[in-house]
Amino acid sequence: MIEIIVNGKRTTIPKGLNVKEMIKVLEYSGEGFALALNGTFVALSTYATTMIKDNDSIEILAPVQGG
């Protein structure tokens, strides 16, 4: 297990996950959100090859509707 920070909250996930697997473990569903790893945008096309490491900081941002 490793500790990461997701949207400012520390959480524990299994070691050896990529971004795509982490999203499933954290039970985020649907499409249409952006993800930053340690302050850097992660492209959807690289989710399966971007590994999550201990103490990484992840921001998951959903689009906001309104005017």
N, C-alpha and C. Protein backbone atom coordinates (compact mmCIF):
# COMPACT_ATOMS: atom_id res chain seq x y z
N MET A 1 0.86 -1.19 0.00
CA MET A 1 0.00 0.00 0.00
C MET A 1 0.90 1.25 0.00
N ILE A 2 0.39 2.29 -0.66
CA ILE A 2 1.08 3.57 -0.67
C ILE A 2 0.08 4.67 -0.30
N GLU A 3 0.62 5.80 0.15
CA GLU A 3 -0.23 6.95 0.47
C GLU A 3 -0.07 7.99 -0.63
N ILE A 4 -1.23 8.54 -1.04
CA ILE A 4 -1.25 9.62 -2.02
C ILE A 4 -2.20 10.70 -1.51
N ILE A 5 -2.16 11.84 -2.14
CA ILE A 5 -3.07 12.93 -1.80
C ILE A 5 -3.96 13.17 -3.01
N VAL A 6 -5.28 13.02 -2.81
CA VAL A 6 -6.24 13.22 -3.88
C VAL A 6 -7.14 14.39 -3.51
N ASN A 7 -7.08 15.45 -4.31
CA ASN A 7 -7.87 16.66 -4.05
C ASN A 7 -7.69 17.15 -2.62
N GLY A 8 -6.45 17.11 -2.15
CA GLY A 8 -6.12 17.63 -0.83
C GLY A 8 -6.32 16.68 0.33
N LYS A 9 -6.80 15.46 0.07
CA LYS A 9 -7.05 14.49 1.14
C LYS A 9 -6.12 13.29 0.98
N ARG A 10 -5.43 12.94 2.06
CA ARG A 10 -4.53 11.80 2.04
C ARG A 10 -5.34 10.51 2.04
N THR A 11 -4.94 9.58 1.17
CA THR A 11 -5.63 8.30 1.08
C THR A 11 -4.61 7.20 0.78
N THR A 12 -5.00 5.97 0.98
CA THR A 12 -4.13 4.83 0.76
C THR A 12 -4.68 3.99 -0.40
N ILE A 13 -3.78 3.60 -1.30
CA ILE A 13 -4.16 2.75 -2.43
C ILE A 13 -3.11 1.63 -2.56
N PRO A 14 -3.44 0.57 -3.29
CA PRO A 14 -2.44 -0.49 -3.52
C PRO A 14 -1.24 0.04 -4.30
N LYS A 15 -0.08 -0.52 -4.04
CA LYS A 15 1.14 -0.15 -4.75
C LYS A 15 1.10 -0.71 -6.17
N GLY A 16 1.71 0.00 -7.12
CA GLY A 16 1.85 -0.50 -8.48
C GLY A 16 0.71 -0.18 -9.42
N LEU A 17 -0.12 0.79 -9.08
CA LEU A 17 -1.25 1.15 -9.95
C LEU A 17 -0.84 2.22 -10.95
N ASN A 18 -1.46 2.18 -12.13
CA ASN A 18 -1.33 3.30 -13.05
C ASN A 18 -2.54 4.22 -12.83
N VAL A 19 -2.58 5.33 -13.54
CA VAL A 19 -3.66 6.30 -13.35
C VAL A 19 -5.02 5.67 -13.63
N LYS A 20 -5.13 4.90 -14.70
CA LYS A 20 -6.40 4.27 -15.05
C LYS A 20 -6.89 3.36 -13.93
N GLU A 21 -6.01 2.55 -13.37
CA GLU A 21 -6.36 1.64 -12.28
C GLU A 21 -6.70 2.40 -11.00
N MET A 22 -5.96 3.48 -10.73
CA MET A 22 -6.22 4.30 -9.56
C MET A 22 -7.62 4.89 -9.60
N ILE A 23 -8.03 5.36 -10.77
CA ILE A 23 -9.38 5.94 -10.93
C ILE A 23 -10.44 4.91 -10.56
N LYS A 24 -10.25 3.67 -10.98
CA LYS A 24 -11.20 2.61 -10.64
C LYS A 24 -11.21 2.34 -9.14
N VAL A 25 -10.02 2.25 -8.54
CA VAL A 25 -9.91 1.98 -7.10
C VAL A 25 -10.59 3.09 -6.30
N LEU A 26 -10.44 4.33 -6.74
CA LEU A 26 -11.03 5.47 -6.03
C LEU A 26 -12.50 5.67 -6.37
N GLU A 27 -13.02 4.83 -7.29
CA GLU A 27 -14.43 4.81 -7.67
C GLU A 27 -14.90 6.10 -8.34
N TYR A 28 -14.01 6.69 -9.14
CA TYR A 28 -14.43 7.80 -9.99
C TYR A 28 -15.01 7.18 -11.24
N SER A 29 -16.15 7.69 -11.69
CA SER A 29 -16.77 7.12 -12.88
C SER A 29 -17.13 8.21 -13.86
N GLY A 30 -17.44 7.78 -15.05
CA GLY A 30 -17.83 8.73 -16.08
C GLY A 30 -16.63 9.32 -16.79
N GLU A 31 -16.93 10.18 -17.71
CA GLU A 31 -15.89 10.84 -18.49
C GLU A 31 -16.01 12.34 -18.23
N GLY A 32 -15.10 13.07 -18.77
CA GLY A 32 -15.22 14.51 -18.70
C GLY A 32 -14.56 15.15 -17.51
N PHE A 33 -13.52 14.52 -16.97
CA PHE A 33 -12.76 15.21 -15.93
C PHE A 33 -11.31 15.28 -16.34
N ALA A 34 -10.60 16.23 -15.77
CA ALA A 34 -9.18 16.37 -16.04
C ALA A 34 -8.41 15.90 -14.81
N LEU A 35 -7.21 15.41 -15.04
CA LEU A 35 -6.41 14.90 -13.94
C LEU A 35 -5.01 15.49 -14.02
N ALA A 36 -4.53 15.97 -12.88
CA ALA A 36 -3.16 16.46 -12.78
C ALA A 36 -2.41 15.63 -11.75
N LEU A 37 -1.20 15.24 -12.10
CA LEU A 37 -0.33 14.47 -11.21
C LEU A 37 0.85 15.34 -10.85
N ASN A 38 0.96 15.65 -9.56
CA ASN A 38 2.03 16.53 -9.08
C ASN A 38 2.09 17.83 -9.87
N GLY A 39 0.90 18.37 -10.17
CA GLY A 39 0.81 19.66 -10.82
C GLY A 39 0.90 19.65 -12.33
N THR A 40 1.04 18.46 -12.93
CA THR A 40 1.17 18.35 -14.38
C THR A 40 -0.03 17.60 -14.95
N PHE A 41 -0.67 18.19 -15.97
CA PHE A 41 -1.81 17.56 -16.63
C PHE A 41 -1.40 16.20 -17.19
N VAL A 42 -2.27 15.20 -17.01
CA VAL A 42 -2.03 13.86 -17.56
C VAL A 42 -3.05 13.62 -18.67
N ALA A 43 -2.57 13.37 -19.88
CA ALA A 43 -3.46 13.12 -21.02
C ALA A 43 -4.13 11.77 -20.87
N LEU A 44 -5.39 11.70 -21.27
CA LEU A 44 -6.16 10.46 -21.20
C LEU A 44 -5.42 9.32 -21.89
N SER A 45 -4.75 9.60 -22.98
CA SER A 45 -4.05 8.57 -23.74
C SER A 45 -2.87 7.96 -22.97
N THR A 46 -2.44 8.61 -21.88
CA THR A 46 -1.30 8.08 -21.11
C THR A 46 -1.71 7.53 -19.74
N TYR A 47 -3.01 7.47 -19.45
CA TYR A 47 -3.46 6.96 -18.15
C TYR A 47 -2.92 5.56 -17.86
N ALA A 48 -2.91 4.68 -18.86
CA ALA A 48 -2.50 3.29 -18.64
C ALA A 48 -1.00 3.13 -18.46
N THR A 49 -0.22 4.14 -18.85
CA THR A 49 1.24 4.03 -18.74
C THR A 49 1.83 4.96 -17.69
N THR A 50 1.00 5.78 -17.05
CA THR A 50 1.48 6.69 -16.01
C THR A 50 1.29 6.04 -14.65
N MET A 51 2.39 5.73 -13.98
CA MET A 51 2.35 5.03 -12.71
C MET A 51 2.19 6.01 -11.54
N ILE A 52 1.47 5.57 -10.53
CA ILE A 52 1.27 6.35 -9.31
C ILE A 52 2.31 5.90 -8.29
N LYS A 53 2.96 6.86 -7.65
CA LYS A 53 4.00 6.56 -6.67
C LYS A 53 3.61 7.10 -5.29
N ASP A 54 4.27 6.59 -4.28
CA ASP A 54 4.04 7.02 -2.90
C ASP A 54 4.19 8.54 -2.80
N ASN A 55 3.27 9.16 -2.10
CA ASN A 55 3.26 10.61 -1.85
C ASN A 55 2.94 11.47 -3.07
N ASP A 56 2.46 10.86 -4.16
CA ASP A 56 2.03 11.67 -5.30
C ASP A 56 0.81 12.50 -4.91
N SER A 57 0.69 13.64 -5.55
CA SER A 57 -0.46 14.52 -5.35
C SER A 57 -1.29 14.54 -6.63
N ILE A 58 -2.55 14.15 -6.51
CA ILE A 58 -3.44 14.06 -7.66
C ILE A 58 -4.61 15.02 -7.48
N GLU A 59 -4.89 15.79 -8.52
CA GLU A 59 -6.06 16.65 -8.54
C GLU A 59 -6.98 16.14 -9.64
N ILE A 60 -8.22 15.83 -9.28
CA ILE A 60 -9.21 15.39 -10.25
C ILE A 60 -10.25 16.50 -10.34
N LEU A 61 -10.37 17.08 -11.53
CA LEU A 61 -11.22 18.25 -11.72
C LEU A 61 -12.37 17.93 -12.67
N ALA A 62 -13.57 18.11 -12.20
CA ALA A 62 -14.76 17.91 -13.02
C ALA A 62 -15.17 19.27 -13.62
N PRO A 63 -15.73 19.25 -14.83
CA PRO A 63 -16.16 20.51 -15.43
C PRO A 63 -17.31 21.14 -14.63
N VAL A 64 -17.35 22.44 -14.65
CA VAL A 64 -18.39 23.18 -13.93
C VAL A 64 -19.35 23.78 -14.95
N GLN A 65 -20.65 23.57 -14.71
CA GLN A 65 -21.64 24.15 -15.61
C GLN A 65 -22.18 25.44 -15.02
N GLY A 66 -22.68 26.25 -15.87
CA GLY A 66 -23.27 27.51 -15.39
C GLY A 66 -22.90 28.64 -16.30
N GLY A 67 -23.30 29.83 -15.90
CA GLY A 67 -23.01 30.95 -16.78
C GLY A 67 -22.78 32.21 -16.05
